[in-house]
């Protein structure tokens, strides 16, 4: 197997990655790639309750509330 320019560029990028800012390191990654490896709890850190519910239909929220209220305590 030959050593290619792509191999060299990858090695150089890895050698210098610690000098990059977090924003520079994340550039080019999709949202899904950025979230890969994070637990659900880690993904929710810093979100307000309103932000957690954003995008849900009121019916979905009400159905979930009925479900958890009906659980035995």
PDB file of N, CA and C in Angstrom:
ATOM      1  N   UNK A   1       0.841  -1.177   0.000  1.00  0.00           N
ATOM      2  CA  UNK A   1       0.000   0.000   0.000  1.00  0.00           C
ATOM      3  C   UNK A   1       0.888   1.242   0.000  1.00  0.00           C
ATOM      4  N   UNK A   2       0.586   2.168  -0.886  1.00  0.00           N
ATOM      5  CA  UNK A   2       1.425   3.356  -1.006  1.00  0.00           C
ATOM      6  C   UNK A   2       0.891   4.489  -0.120  1.00  0.00           C
ATOM      7  N   UNK A   3       1.803   5.350   0.239  1.00  0.00           N
ATOM      8  CA  UNK A   3       1.493   6.531   1.036  1.00  0.00           C
ATOM      9  C   UNK A   3       1.048   7.629   0.080  1.00  0.00           C
ATOM     10  N   UNK A   4      -0.199   8.113   0.270  1.00  0.00           N
ATOM     11  CA  UNK A   4      -0.766   9.066  -0.686  1.00  0.00           C
ATOM     12  C   UNK A   4      -0.784  10.479  -0.111  1.00  0.00           C
ATOM     13  N   UNK A   5      -1.086  11.423  -0.977  1.00  0.00           N
ATOM     14  CA  UNK A   5      -1.243  12.813  -0.541  1.00  0.00           C
ATOM     15  C   UNK A   5      -2.382  12.895   0.470  1.00  0.00           C
ATOM     16  N   UNK A   6      -3.432  12.140   0.245  1.00  0.00           N
ATOM     17  CA  UNK A   6      -4.562  12.125   1.183  1.00  0.00           C
ATOM     18  C   UNK A   6      -4.104  11.636   2.561  1.00  0.00           C
ATOM     19  N   UNK A   7      -3.244  10.625   2.589  1.00  0.00           N
ATOM     20  CA  UNK A   7      -2.708  10.135   3.857  1.00  0.00           C
ATOM     21  C   UNK A   7      -1.906  11.229   4.560  1.00  0.00           C
ATOM     22  N   UNK A   8      -1.086  11.923   3.808  1.00  0.00           N
ATOM     23  CA  UNK A   8      -0.275  13.009   4.365  1.00  0.00           C
ATOM     24  C   UNK A   8      -1.167  14.112   4.937  1.00  0.00           C
ATOM     25  N   UNK A   9      -2.172  14.522   4.167  1.00  0.00           N
ATOM     26  CA  UNK A   9      -3.061  15.591   4.622  1.00  0.00           C
ATOM     27  C   UNK A   9      -3.814  15.194   5.881  1.00  0.00           C
ATOM     28  N   UNK A  10      -4.231  13.943   5.947  1.00  0.00           N
ATOM     29  CA  UNK A  10      -4.924  13.467   7.148  1.00  0.00           C
ATOM     30  C   UNK A  10      -3.988  13.499   8.356  1.00  0.00           C
ATOM     31  N   UNK A  11      -2.769  13.029   8.191  1.00  0.00           N
ATOM     32  CA  UNK A  11      -1.791  13.052   9.279  1.00  0.00           C
ATOM     33  C   UNK A  11      -1.534  14.481   9.766  1.00  0.00           C
ATOM     34  N   UNK A  12      -1.390  15.399   8.842  1.00  0.00           N
ATOM     35  CA  UNK A  12      -1.145  16.800   9.204  1.00  0.00           C
ATOM     36  C   UNK A  12      -2.337  17.388   9.949  1.00  0.00           C
ATOM     37  N   UNK A  13      -3.527  17.098   9.498  1.00  0.00           N
ATOM     38  CA  UNK A  13      -4.725  17.595  10.169  1.00  0.00           C
ATOM     39  C   UNK A  13      -4.801  17.054  11.590  1.00  0.00           C
ATOM     40  N   UNK A  14      -4.517  15.779  11.756  1.00  0.00           N
ATOM     41  CA  UNK A  14      -4.555  15.180  13.090  1.00  0.00           C
ATOM     42  C   UNK A  14      -3.469  15.755  13.998  1.00  0.00           C
ATOM     43  N   UNK A  15      -2.334  16.030  13.418  1.00  0.00           N
ATOM     44  CA  UNK A  15      -1.221  16.576  14.195  1.00  0.00           C
ATOM     45  C   UNK A  15      -1.532  17.971  14.737  1.00  0.00           C
ATOM     46  N   UNK A  16      -2.345  18.720  14.014  1.00  0.00           N
ATOM     47  CA  UNK A  16      -2.622  20.113  14.387  1.00  0.00           C
ATOM     48  C   UNK A  16      -4.020  20.339  14.950  1.00  0.00           C
ATOM     49  N   UNK A  17      -4.797  19.276  15.143  1.00  0.00           N
ATOM     50  CA  UNK A  17      -6.188  19.460  15.572  1.00  0.00           C
ATOM     51  C   UNK A  17      -6.320  20.131  16.926  1.00  0.00           C
ATOM     52  N   UNK A  18      -5.370  19.940  17.812  1.00  0.00           N
ATOM     53  CA  UNK A  18      -5.468  20.539  19.152  1.00  0.00           C
ATOM     54  C   UNK A  18      -5.259  22.044  19.134  1.00  0.00           C
ATOM     55  N   UNK A  19      -4.768  22.586  18.042  1.00  0.00           N
ATOM     56  CA  UNK A  19      -4.576  24.036  17.948  1.00  0.00           C
ATOM     57  C   UNK A  19      -5.820  24.735  17.397  1.00  0.00           C
ATOM     58  N   UNK A  20      -6.797  23.956  16.930  1.00  0.00           N
ATOM     59  CA  UNK A  20      -8.014  24.528  16.355  1.00  0.00           C
ATOM     60  C   UNK A  20      -9.019  24.871  17.452  1.00  0.00           C
ATOM     61  N   UNK A  21      -9.848  25.863  17.194  1.00  0.00           N
ATOM     62  CA  UNK A  21     -10.933  26.190  18.119  1.00  0.00           C
ATOM     63  C   UNK A  21     -12.018  25.130  17.983  1.00  0.00           C
ATOM     64  N   UNK A  22     -12.904  25.016  18.984  1.00  0.00           N
ATOM     65  CA  UNK A  22     -14.006  24.055  18.849  1.00  0.00           C
ATOM     66  C   UNK A  22     -14.830  24.290  17.579  1.00  0.00           C
ATOM     67  N   UNK A  23     -15.094  25.545  17.246  1.00  0.00           N
ATOM     68  CA  UNK A  23     -15.876  25.844  16.038  1.00  0.00           C
ATOM     69  C   UNK A  23     -15.158  25.361  14.786  1.00  0.00           C
ATOM     70  N   UNK A  24     -13.841  25.533  14.745  1.00  0.00           N
ATOM     71  CA  UNK A  24     -13.065  25.074  13.594  1.00  0.00           C
ATOM     72  C   UNK A  24     -13.078  23.552  13.498  1.00  0.00           C
ATOM     73  N   UNK A  25     -13.030  22.893  14.657  1.00  0.00           N
ATOM     74  CA  UNK A  25     -13.021  21.431  14.665  1.00  0.00           C
ATOM     75  C   UNK A  25     -14.361  20.856  14.219  1.00  0.00           C
ATOM     76  N   UNK A  26     -15.454  21.582  14.493  1.00  0.00           N
ATOM     77  CA  UNK A  26     -16.785  21.098  14.137  1.00  0.00           C
ATOM     78  C   UNK A  26     -17.195  21.458  12.717  1.00  0.00           C
ATOM     79  N   UNK A  27     -16.484  22.381  12.101  1.00  0.00           N
ATOM     80  CA  UNK A  27     -16.842  22.830  10.755  1.00  0.00           C
ATOM     81  C   UNK A  27     -16.888  21.646   9.799  1.00  0.00           C
ATOM     82  N   UNK A  28     -17.971  21.590   9.035  1.00  0.00           N
ATOM     83  CA  UNK A  28     -18.114  20.528   8.053  1.00  0.00           C
ATOM     84  C   UNK A  28     -18.874  19.314   8.541  1.00  0.00           C
ATOM     85  N   UNK A  29     -19.155  19.247   9.844  1.00  0.00           N
ATOM     86  CA  UNK A  29     -19.919  18.120  10.366  1.00  0.00           C
ATOM     87  C   UNK A  29     -21.410  18.419  10.295  1.00  0.00           C
ATOM     88  N   UNK A  30     -22.199  17.410   9.994  1.00  0.00           N
ATOM     89  CA  UNK A  30     -23.648  17.565  10.004  1.00  0.00           C
ATOM     90  C   UNK A  30     -24.130  17.574  11.452  1.00  0.00           C
ATOM     91  N   UNK A  31     -25.337  18.075  11.709  1.00  0.00           N
ATOM     92  CA  UNK A  31     -25.862  18.006  13.083  1.00  0.00           C
ATOM     93  C   UNK A  31     -25.859  16.581  13.634  1.00  0.00           C
ATOM     94  N   UNK A  32     -26.218  15.614  12.816  1.00  0.00           N
ATOM     95  CA  UNK A  32     -26.237  14.219  13.285  1.00  0.00           C
ATOM     96  C   UNK A  32     -24.833  13.757  13.675  1.00  0.00           C
ATOM     97  N   UNK A  33     -23.831  14.147  12.905  1.00  0.00           N
ATOM     98  CA  UNK A  33     -22.453  13.769  13.227  1.00  0.00           C
ATOM     99  C   UNK A  33     -21.994  14.443  14.507  1.00  0.00           C
ATOM    100  N   UNK A  34     -22.437  15.680  14.736  1.00  0.00           N
ATOM    101  CA  UNK A  34     -22.047  16.404  15.945  1.00  0.00           C
ATOM    102  C   UNK A  34     -22.650  15.769  17.188  1.00  0.00           C
ATOM    103  N   UNK A  35     -23.844  15.174  17.051  1.00  0.00           N
ATOM    104  CA  UNK A  35     -24.529  14.585  18.200  1.00  0.00           C
ATOM    105  C   UNK A  35     -24.151  13.133  18.450  1.00  0.00           C
ATOM    106  N   UNK A  36     -23.553  12.490  17.460  1.00  0.00           N
ATOM    107  CA  UNK A  36     -23.203  11.076  17.594  1.00  0.00           C
ATOM    108  C   UNK A  36     -22.308  10.861  18.816  1.00  0.00           C
ATOM    109  N   UNK A  37     -22.662   9.875  19.601  1.00  0.00           N
ATOM    110  CA  UNK A  37     -21.862   9.546  20.779  1.00  0.00           C
ATOM    111  C   UNK A  37     -22.332  10.213  22.054  1.00  0.00           C
ATOM    112  N   UNK A  38     -23.263  11.164  21.953  1.00  0.00           N
ATOM    113  CA  UNK A  38     -23.788  11.815  23.146  1.00  0.00           C
ATOM    114  C   UNK A  38     -25.001  11.053  23.657  1.00  0.00           C
ATOM    115  N   UNK A  39     -25.127  10.952  24.972  1.00  0.00           N
ATOM    116  CA  UNK A  39     -26.312  10.343  25.558  1.00  0.00           C
ATOM    117  C   UNK A  39     -27.466  11.334  25.463  1.00  0.00           C
ATOM    118  N   UNK A  40     -28.670  10.847  25.685  1.00  0.00           N
ATOM    119  CA  UNK A  40     -29.833  11.729  25.674  1.00  0.00           C
ATOM    120  C   UNK A  40     -29.679  12.817  26.730  1.00  0.00           C
ATOM    121  N   UNK A  41     -29.225  12.449  27.910  1.00  0.00           N
ATOM    122  CA  UNK A  41     -29.040  13.434  28.980  1.00  0.00           C
ATOM    123  C   UNK A  41     -28.037  14.516  28.566  1.00  0.00           C
ATOM    124  N   UNK A  42     -26.971  14.132  27.896  1.00  0.00           N
ATOM    125  CA  UNK A  42     -25.977  15.110  27.439  1.00  0.00           C
ATOM    126  C   UNK A  42     -26.555  16.035  26.374  1.00  0.00           C
ATOM    127  N   UNK A  43     -27.442  15.497  25.530  1.00  0.00           N
ATOM    128  CA  UNK A  43     -28.051  16.306  24.481  1.00  0.00           C
ATOM    129  C   UNK A  43     -29.019  17.332  25.044  1.00  0.00           C
ATOM    130  N   UNK A  44     -29.588  17.053  26.216  1.00  0.00           N
ATOM    131  CA  UNK A  44     -30.583  17.944  26.811  1.00  0.00           C
ATOM    132  C   UNK A  44     -29.987  19.015  27.720  1.00  0.00           C
ATOM    133  N   UNK A  45     -28.712  18.905  28.054  1.00  0.00           N
ATOM    134  CA  UNK A  45     -28.071  19.869  28.947  1.00  0.00           C
ATOM    135  C   UNK A  45     -28.232  21.276  28.383  1.00  0.00           C
ATOM    136  N   UNK A  46     -28.688  22.177  29.235  1.00  0.00           N
ATOM    137  CA  UNK A  46     -28.809  23.578  28.853  1.00  0.00           C
ATOM    138  C   UNK A  46     -30.133  23.949  28.212  1.00  0.00           C
ATOM    139  N   UNK A  47     -30.986  22.970  27.926  1.00  0.00           N
ATOM    140  CA  UNK A  47     -32.275  23.279  27.321  1.00  0.00           C
ATOM    141  C   UNK A  47     -33.312  23.576  28.402  1.00  0.00           C
ATOM    142  N   UNK A  48     -34.120  24.587  28.161  1.00  0.00           N
ATOM    143  CA  UNK A  48     -35.219  24.894  29.082  1.00  0.00           C
ATOM    144  C   UNK A  48     -36.352  23.908  28.804  1.00  0.00           C
ATOM    145  N   UNK A  49     -37.298  23.778  29.740  1.00  0.00           N
ATOM    146  CA  UNK A  49     -38.450  22.913  29.467  1.00  0.00           C
ATOM    147  C   UNK A  49     -39.181  23.305  28.177  1.00  0.00           C
ATOM    148  N   UNK A  50     -39.318  24.602  27.937  1.00  0.00           N
ATOM    149  CA  UNK A  50     -39.995  25.055  26.720  1.00  0.00           C
ATOM    150  C   UNK A  50     -39.231  24.609  25.477  1.00  0.00           C
ATOM    151  N   UNK A  51     -37.900  24.666  25.520  1.00  0.00           N
ATOM    152  CA  UNK A  51     -37.094  24.241  24.376  1.00  0.00           C
ATOM    153  C   UNK A  51     -37.215  22.735  24.153  1.00  0.00           C
ATOM    154  N   UNK A  52     -37.343  21.968  25.252  1.00  0.00           N
ATOM    155  CA  UNK A  52     -37.498  20.521  25.127  1.00  0.00           C
ATOM    156  C   UNK A  52     -38.809  20.162  24.440  1.00  0.00           C
ATOM    157  N   UNK A  53     -39.845  20.964  24.684  1.00  0.00           N
ATOM    158  CA  UNK A  53     -41.169  20.680  24.134  1.00  0.00           C
ATOM    159  C   UNK A  53     -41.391  21.287  22.750  1.00  0.00           C
ATOM    160  N   UNK A  54     -40.494  22.171  22.341  1.00  0.00           N
ATOM    161  CA  UNK A  54     -40.654  22.851  21.055  1.00  0.00           C
ATOM    162  C   UNK A  54     -40.748  21.839  19.922  1.00  0.00           C
ATOM    163  N   UNK A  55     -41.717  22.058  19.057  1.00  0.00           N
ATOM    164  CA  UNK A  55     -41.899  21.173  17.917  1.00  0.00           C
ATOM    165  C   UNK A  55     -42.890  20.058  18.152  1.00  0.00           C
ATOM    166  N   UNK A  56     -43.305  19.861  19.408  1.00  0.00           N
ATOM    167  CA  UNK A  56     -44.315  18.845  19.695  1.00  0.00           C
ATOM    168  C   UNK A  56     -45.696  19.459  19.579  1.00  0.00           C
ATOM    169  N   UNK A  57     -46.643  18.676  19.085  1.00  0.00           N
ATOM    170  CA  UNK A  57     -48.026  19.121  19.046  1.00  0.00           C
ATOM    171  C   UNK A  57     -48.590  19.116  20.458  1.00  0.00           C
ATOM    172  N   UNK A  58     -49.475  20.051  20.782  1.00  0.00           N
ATOM    173  CA  UNK A  58     -50.096  20.044  22.112  1.00  0.00           C
ATOM    174  C   UNK A  58     -50.757  18.702  22.431  1.00  0.00           C
ATOM    175  N   UNK A  59     -51.313  18.046  21.416  1.00  0.00           N
ATOM    176  CA  UNK A  59     -51.949  16.741  21.645  1.00  0.00           C
ATOM    177  C   UNK A  59     -50.923  15.697  22.102  1.00  0.00           C
ATOM    178  N   UNK A  60     -49.722  15.754  21.546  1.00  0.00           N
ATOM    179  CA  UNK A  60     -48.669  14.820  21.954  1.00  0.00           C
ATOM    180  C   UNK A  60     -48.274  15.059  23.409  1.00  0.00           C
ATOM    181  N   UNK A  61     -48.164  16.323  23.776  1.00  0.00           N
ATOM    182  CA  UNK A  61     -47.797  16.674  25.155  1.00  0.00           C
ATOM    183  C   UNK A  61     -48.889  16.208  26.112  1.00  0.00           C
ATOM    184  N   UNK A  62     -50.142  16.475  25.758  1.00  0.00           N
ATOM    185  CA  UNK A  62     -51.262  16.074  26.613  1.00  0.00           C
ATOM    186  C   UNK A  62     -51.346  14.553  26.735  1.00  0.00           C
ATOM    187  N   UNK A  63     -51.130  13.835  25.644  1.00  0.00           N
ATOM    188  CA  UNK A  63     -51.152  12.367  25.680  1.00  0.00           C
ATOM    189  C   UNK A  63     -50.052  11.839  26.593  1.00  0.00           C
ATOM    190  N   UNK A  64     -48.879  12.435  26.524  1.00  0.00           N
ATOM    191  CA  UNK A  64     -47.782  12.002  27.391  1.00  0.00           C
ATOM    192  C   UNK A  64     -48.092  12.296  28.852  1.00  0.00           C
ATOM    193  N   UNK A  65     -48.654  13.463  29.123  1.00  0.00           N
ATOM    194  CA  UNK A  65     -49.020  13.804  30.501  1.00  0.00           C
ATOM    195  C   UNK A  65     -50.064  12.846  31.047  1.00  0.00           C
ATOM    196  N   UNK A  66     -51.071  12.501  30.235  1.00  0.00           N
ATOM    197  CA  UNK A  66     -52.079  11.509  30.686  1.00  0.00           C
ATOM    198  C   UNK A  66     -51.409  10.189  30.993  1.00  0.00           C
ATOM    199  N   UNK A  67     -50.463   9.798  30.157  1.00  0.00           N
ATOM    200  CA  UNK A  67     -49.780   8.513  30.341  1.00  0.00           C
ATOM    201  C   UNK A  67     -49.001   8.487  31.656  1.00  0.00           C
ATOM    202  N   UNK A  68     -48.223   9.521  31.926  1.00  0.00           N
ATOM    203  CA  UNK A  68     -47.412   9.495  33.146  1.00  0.00           C
ATOM    204  C   UNK A  68     -48.259   9.704  34.395  1.00  0.00           C
ATOM    205  N   UNK A  69     -49.388  10.395  34.265  1.00  0.00           N
ATOM    206  CA  UNK A  69     -50.275  10.579  35.421  1.00  0.00           C
ATOM    207  C   UNK A  69     -50.996   9.283  35.778  1.00  0.00           C
ATOM    208  N   UNK A  70     -51.182   8.405  34.805  1.00  0.00           N
ATOM    209  CA  UNK A  70     -51.894   7.156  35.063  1.00  0.00           C
ATOM    210  C   UNK A  70     -50.982   6.065  35.628  1.00  0.00           C
ATOM    211  N   UNK A  71     -49.688   6.306  35.656  1.00  0.00           N
ATOM    212  CA  UNK A  71     -48.751   5.322  36.215  1.00  0.00           C
ATOM    213  C   UNK A  71     -48.932   5.223  37.733  1.00  0.00           C
ATOM    214  N   UNK A  72     -48.852   4.012  38.247  1.00  0.00           N
ATOM    215  CA  UNK A  72     -48.894   3.882  39.723  1.00  0.00           C
ATOM    216  C   UNK A  72     -47.624   4.471  40.334  1.00  0.00           C
ATOM    217  N   UNK A  73     -47.802   5.134  41.443  1.00  0.00           N
ATOM    218  CA  UNK A  73     -46.626   5.765  42.065  1.00  0.00           C
ATOM    219  C   UNK A  73     -46.038   4.963  43.160  1.00  0.00           C
TER     220      UNK A  73
END
